[in-house]
Each structure stands twice: as structure tokens, then as C-alpha cells.
Amino acid sequence: MDIPKPSQIDTKNHFFNSVWEHCETETVARNIVLISEWNDDEWKPFTWEQYKDMCKHKVSNGEYGELTSMAKTGHLDHNKKTDTFAPNIRFVAEVSKWKKA
């Protein structure tokens, strides 16, 4: 699989009908793509604090729950010691469905 850069994913629309089948999770996935784009256009690890700081909306604690759920399903790597999350190949493969033409 050719791994796209975050900027190659279309974030203008929500990621409806994804594997997550949950609009809140799909919104968090979109936020992760945007954060990754702003973070040197790379799929880099981020902390909860960085997530909150980089989102342009008022972040709820429920979004942290969505991040941990995505880690439990294998779509994010979660280092519990440092409480960092990282998009992995499974995450990138899912959001690649919205790759720009």
C-alpha cells in the first residue's frame, strides 16, 4: 500500500460509513488527520494535551474515550506510559478511503 500523507486525505467532509460506524469516532479520526497534517504532514504520535491544543473546537473528555477505543480496536497505537497516541497502518488504511483524487 502506498502510504498517503495526511494532506492527501480529504477532510472537507466527515468520514461517514467508516469501519468505526460511529459519528463521534469518525469526527475524532478526521481531527487526527488534520492534526497530522499540521504536524509536518506526517503520521506522528501526539498526546491528549496536543490533541486538545490543536483542535479548533472545544474538546470534550469524550474524545479521549474515542481515542482509547480506537487504540483498543487496533486503529491507533497507545503508549500508556507516556499517554501518547499514534496513527498506525490500520488507521491510515481506513482514512485512505477519503484520499483526494
C-alpha atoms as a PDB file:
ATOM      1  CA  MET A   1       0.000   0.000   0.000  1.00  0.00           C
ATOM      2  CA  ASP A   2       1.256   3.445  -0.920  1.00  0.00           C
ATOM      3  CA  ILE A   3       1.028   5.399   2.338  1.00  0.00           C
ATOM      4  CA  PRO A   4      -0.573   8.787   1.712  1.00  0.00           C
ATOM      5  CA  LYS A   5       0.456  11.913   3.561  1.00  0.00           C
ATOM      6  CA  PRO A   6      -2.211  13.425   5.826  1.00  0.00           C
ATOM      7  CA  SER A   7      -2.645  16.329   3.380  1.00  0.00           C
ATOM      8  CA  GLN A   8      -3.718  13.821   0.706  1.00  0.00           C
ATOM      9  CA  ILE A   9      -6.802  12.861   2.733  1.00  0.00           C
ATOM     10  CA  ASP A  10      -9.956  14.866   2.027  1.00  0.00           C
ATOM     11  CA  THR A  11     -11.036  16.333   5.374  1.00  0.00           C
ATOM     12  CA  LYS A  12     -13.620  18.727   3.960  1.00  0.00           C
ATOM     13  CA  ASN A  13     -16.333  16.187   4.719  1.00  0.00           C
ATOM     14  CA  HIS A  14     -16.874  13.801   7.583  1.00  0.00           C
ATOM     15  CA  PHE A  15     -15.728  10.189   7.365  1.00  0.00           C
ATOM     16  CA  PHE A  16     -19.203   8.669   7.261  1.00  0.00           C
ATOM     17  CA  ASN A  17     -19.687   4.924   6.692  1.00  0.00           C
ATOM     18  CA  SER A  18     -16.264   4.038   8.032  1.00  0.00           C
ATOM     19  CA  VAL A  19     -15.243   0.877   9.817  1.00  0.00           C
ATOM     20  CA  TRP A  20     -15.955   2.698  13.096  1.00  0.00           C
ATOM     21  CA  GLU A  21     -19.683   3.179  12.297  1.00  0.00           C
ATOM     22  CA  HIS A  22     -19.883   5.875  14.958  1.00  0.00           C
ATOM     23  CA  CYS A  23     -20.039   9.575  14.073  1.00  0.00           C
ATOM     24  CA  GLU A  24     -18.075  10.693  17.148  1.00  0.00           C
ATOM     25  CA  THR A  25     -15.228   8.297  16.323  1.00  0.00           C
ATOM     26  CA  GLU A  26     -15.320   9.377  12.688  1.00  0.00           C
ATOM     27  CA  THR A  27     -15.025  13.008  13.834  1.00  0.00           C
ATOM     28  CA  VAL A  28     -12.025  12.162  16.029  1.00  0.00           C
ATOM     29  CA  ALA A  29     -10.431  10.300  13.097  1.00  0.00           C
ATOM     30  CA  ARG A  30     -10.865  13.390  10.945  1.00  0.00           C
ATOM     31  CA  ASN A  31      -9.314  15.505  13.714  1.00  0.00           C
ATOM     32  CA  ILE A  32      -6.314  13.149  13.831  1.00  0.00           C
ATOM     33  CA  VAL A  33      -5.793  13.584  10.090  1.00  0.00           C
ATOM     34  CA  LEU A  34      -5.957  17.374  10.438  1.00  0.00           C
ATOM     35  CA  ILE A  35      -3.556  17.358  13.399  1.00  0.00           C
ATOM     36  CA  SER A  36      -1.180  15.121  11.460  1.00  0.00           C
ATOM     37  CA  GLU A  37      -1.340  17.485   8.502  1.00  0.00           C
ATOM     38  CA  TRP A  38      -0.490  20.447  10.740  1.00  0.00           C
ATOM     39  CA  ASN A  39       2.230  18.368  12.406  1.00  0.00           C
ATOM     40  CA  ASP A  40       4.684  18.492   9.453  1.00  0.00           C
ATOM     41  CA  ASP A  41       2.256  16.495   7.280  1.00  0.00           C
ATOM     42  CA  GLU A  42       3.379  13.254   8.930  1.00  0.00           C
ATOM     43  CA  TRP A  43       1.662  10.481  10.877  1.00  0.00           C
ATOM     44  CA  LYS A  44       3.354  11.310  14.206  1.00  0.00           C
ATOM     45  CA  PRO A  45       2.448  10.404  17.782  1.00  0.00           C
ATOM     46  CA  PHE A  46       0.557  13.002  19.798  1.00  0.00           C
ATOM     47  CA  THR A  47      -0.530  13.430  23.394  1.00  0.00           C
ATOM     48  CA  TRP A  48      -4.014  14.164  24.646  1.00  0.00           C
ATOM     49  CA  GLU A  49      -2.811  17.679  25.523  1.00  0.00           C
ATOM     50  CA  GLN A  50      -1.539  18.209  21.971  1.00  0.00           C
ATOM     51  CA  TYR A  51      -4.833  16.912  20.595  1.00  0.00           C
ATOM     52  CA  LYS A  52      -6.765  19.407  22.728  1.00  0.00           C
ATOM     53  CA  ASP A  53      -4.417  22.274  21.849  1.00  0.00           C
ATOM     54  CA  MET A  54      -4.519  21.625  18.105  1.00  0.00           C
ATOM     55  CA  CYS A  55      -8.257  21.080  17.694  1.00  0.00           C
ATOM     56  CA  LYS A  56     -10.081  24.215  16.640  1.00  0.00           C
ATOM     57  CA  HIS A  57     -13.223  23.320  18.596  1.00  0.00           C
ATOM     58  CA  LYS A  58     -13.956  22.915  22.301  1.00  0.00           C
ATOM     59  CA  VAL A  59     -12.717  19.390  23.005  1.00  0.00           C
ATOM     60  CA  SER A  60     -14.740  17.145  25.305  1.00  0.00           C
ATOM     61  CA  ASN A  61     -13.396  14.383  27.526  1.00  0.00           C
ATOM     62  CA  GLY A  62     -15.493  12.004  25.445  1.00  0.00           C
ATOM     63  CA  GLU A  63     -12.961  12.462  22.664  1.00  0.00           C
ATOM     64  CA  TYR A  64     -10.289  10.929  24.899  1.00  0.00           C
ATOM     65  CA  GLY A  65     -12.587   7.926  25.221  1.00  0.00           C
ATOM     66  CA  GLU A  66     -12.837   7.743  21.438  1.00  0.00           C
ATOM     67  CA  LEU A  67      -9.031   7.777  21.164  1.00  0.00           C
ATOM     68  CA  THR A  68      -8.693   4.922  23.654  1.00  0.00           C
ATOM     69  CA  SER A  69     -11.448   2.985  21.862  1.00  0.00           C
ATOM     70  CA  MET A  70      -9.603   3.396  18.579  1.00  0.00           C
ATOM     71  CA  ALA A  71      -6.482   2.058  20.291  1.00  0.00           C
ATOM     72  CA  LYS A  72      -8.415  -0.932  21.631  1.00  0.00           C
ATOM     73  CA  THR A  73      -9.609  -1.788  18.122  1.00  0.00           C
ATOM     74  CA  GLY A  74      -6.064  -1.508  16.774  1.00  0.00           C
ATOM     75  CA  HIS A  75      -6.516   1.690  14.759  1.00  0.00           C
ATOM     76  CA  LEU A  76      -4.169   3.729  16.949  1.00  0.00           C
ATOM     77  CA  ASP A  77      -1.112   2.763  18.944  1.00  0.00           C
ATOM     78  CA  HIS A  78      -1.363   3.916  22.568  1.00  0.00           C
ATOM     79  CA  ASN A  79       1.686   4.186  24.797  1.00  0.00           C
ATOM     80  CA  LYS A  80       0.032   4.170  28.207  1.00  0.00           C
ATOM     81  CA  LYS A  81       3.258   5.111  29.989  1.00  0.00           C
ATOM     82  CA  THR A  82       3.543   8.410  28.109  1.00  0.00           C
ATOM     83  CA  ASP A  83      -0.166   8.570  27.191  1.00  0.00           C
ATOM     84  CA  THR A  84       0.669   9.170  23.534  1.00  0.00           C
ATOM     85  CA  PHE A  85      -1.399   8.011  20.599  1.00  0.00           C
ATOM     86  CA  ALA A  86      -0.033   7.297  17.135  1.00  0.00           C
ATOM     87  CA  PRO A  87      -1.825   6.654  13.871  1.00  0.00           C
ATOM     88  CA  ASN A  88      -0.773   3.236  12.574  1.00  0.00           C
ATOM     89  CA  ILE A  89      -1.064   1.462   9.230  1.00  0.00           C
ATOM     90  CA  ARG A  90      -4.564   0.251  10.058  1.00  0.00           C
ATOM     91  CA  PHE A  91      -5.716   3.813  10.761  1.00  0.00           C
ATOM     92  CA  VAL A  92      -4.057   5.153   7.607  1.00  0.00           C
ATOM     93  CA  ALA A  93      -5.594   2.370   5.528  1.00  0.00           C
ATOM     94  CA  GLU A  94      -9.075   3.285   6.796  1.00  0.00           C
ATOM     95  CA  VAL A  95      -8.781   7.036   6.222  1.00  0.00           C
ATOM     96  CA  SER A  96      -7.207   6.384   2.806  1.00  0.00           C
ATOM     97  CA  LYS A  97     -10.775   5.732   1.632  1.00  0.00           C
ATOM     98  CA  TRP A  98     -11.057   9.517   1.589  1.00  0.00           C
ATOM     99  CA  LYS A  99      -7.858  10.112  -0.382  1.00  0.00           C
ATOM    100  CA  LYS A 100      -8.130  13.091  -2.692  1.00  0.00           C
ATOM    101  CA  ALA A 101      -8.419  12.268  -6.380  1.00  0.00           C
END
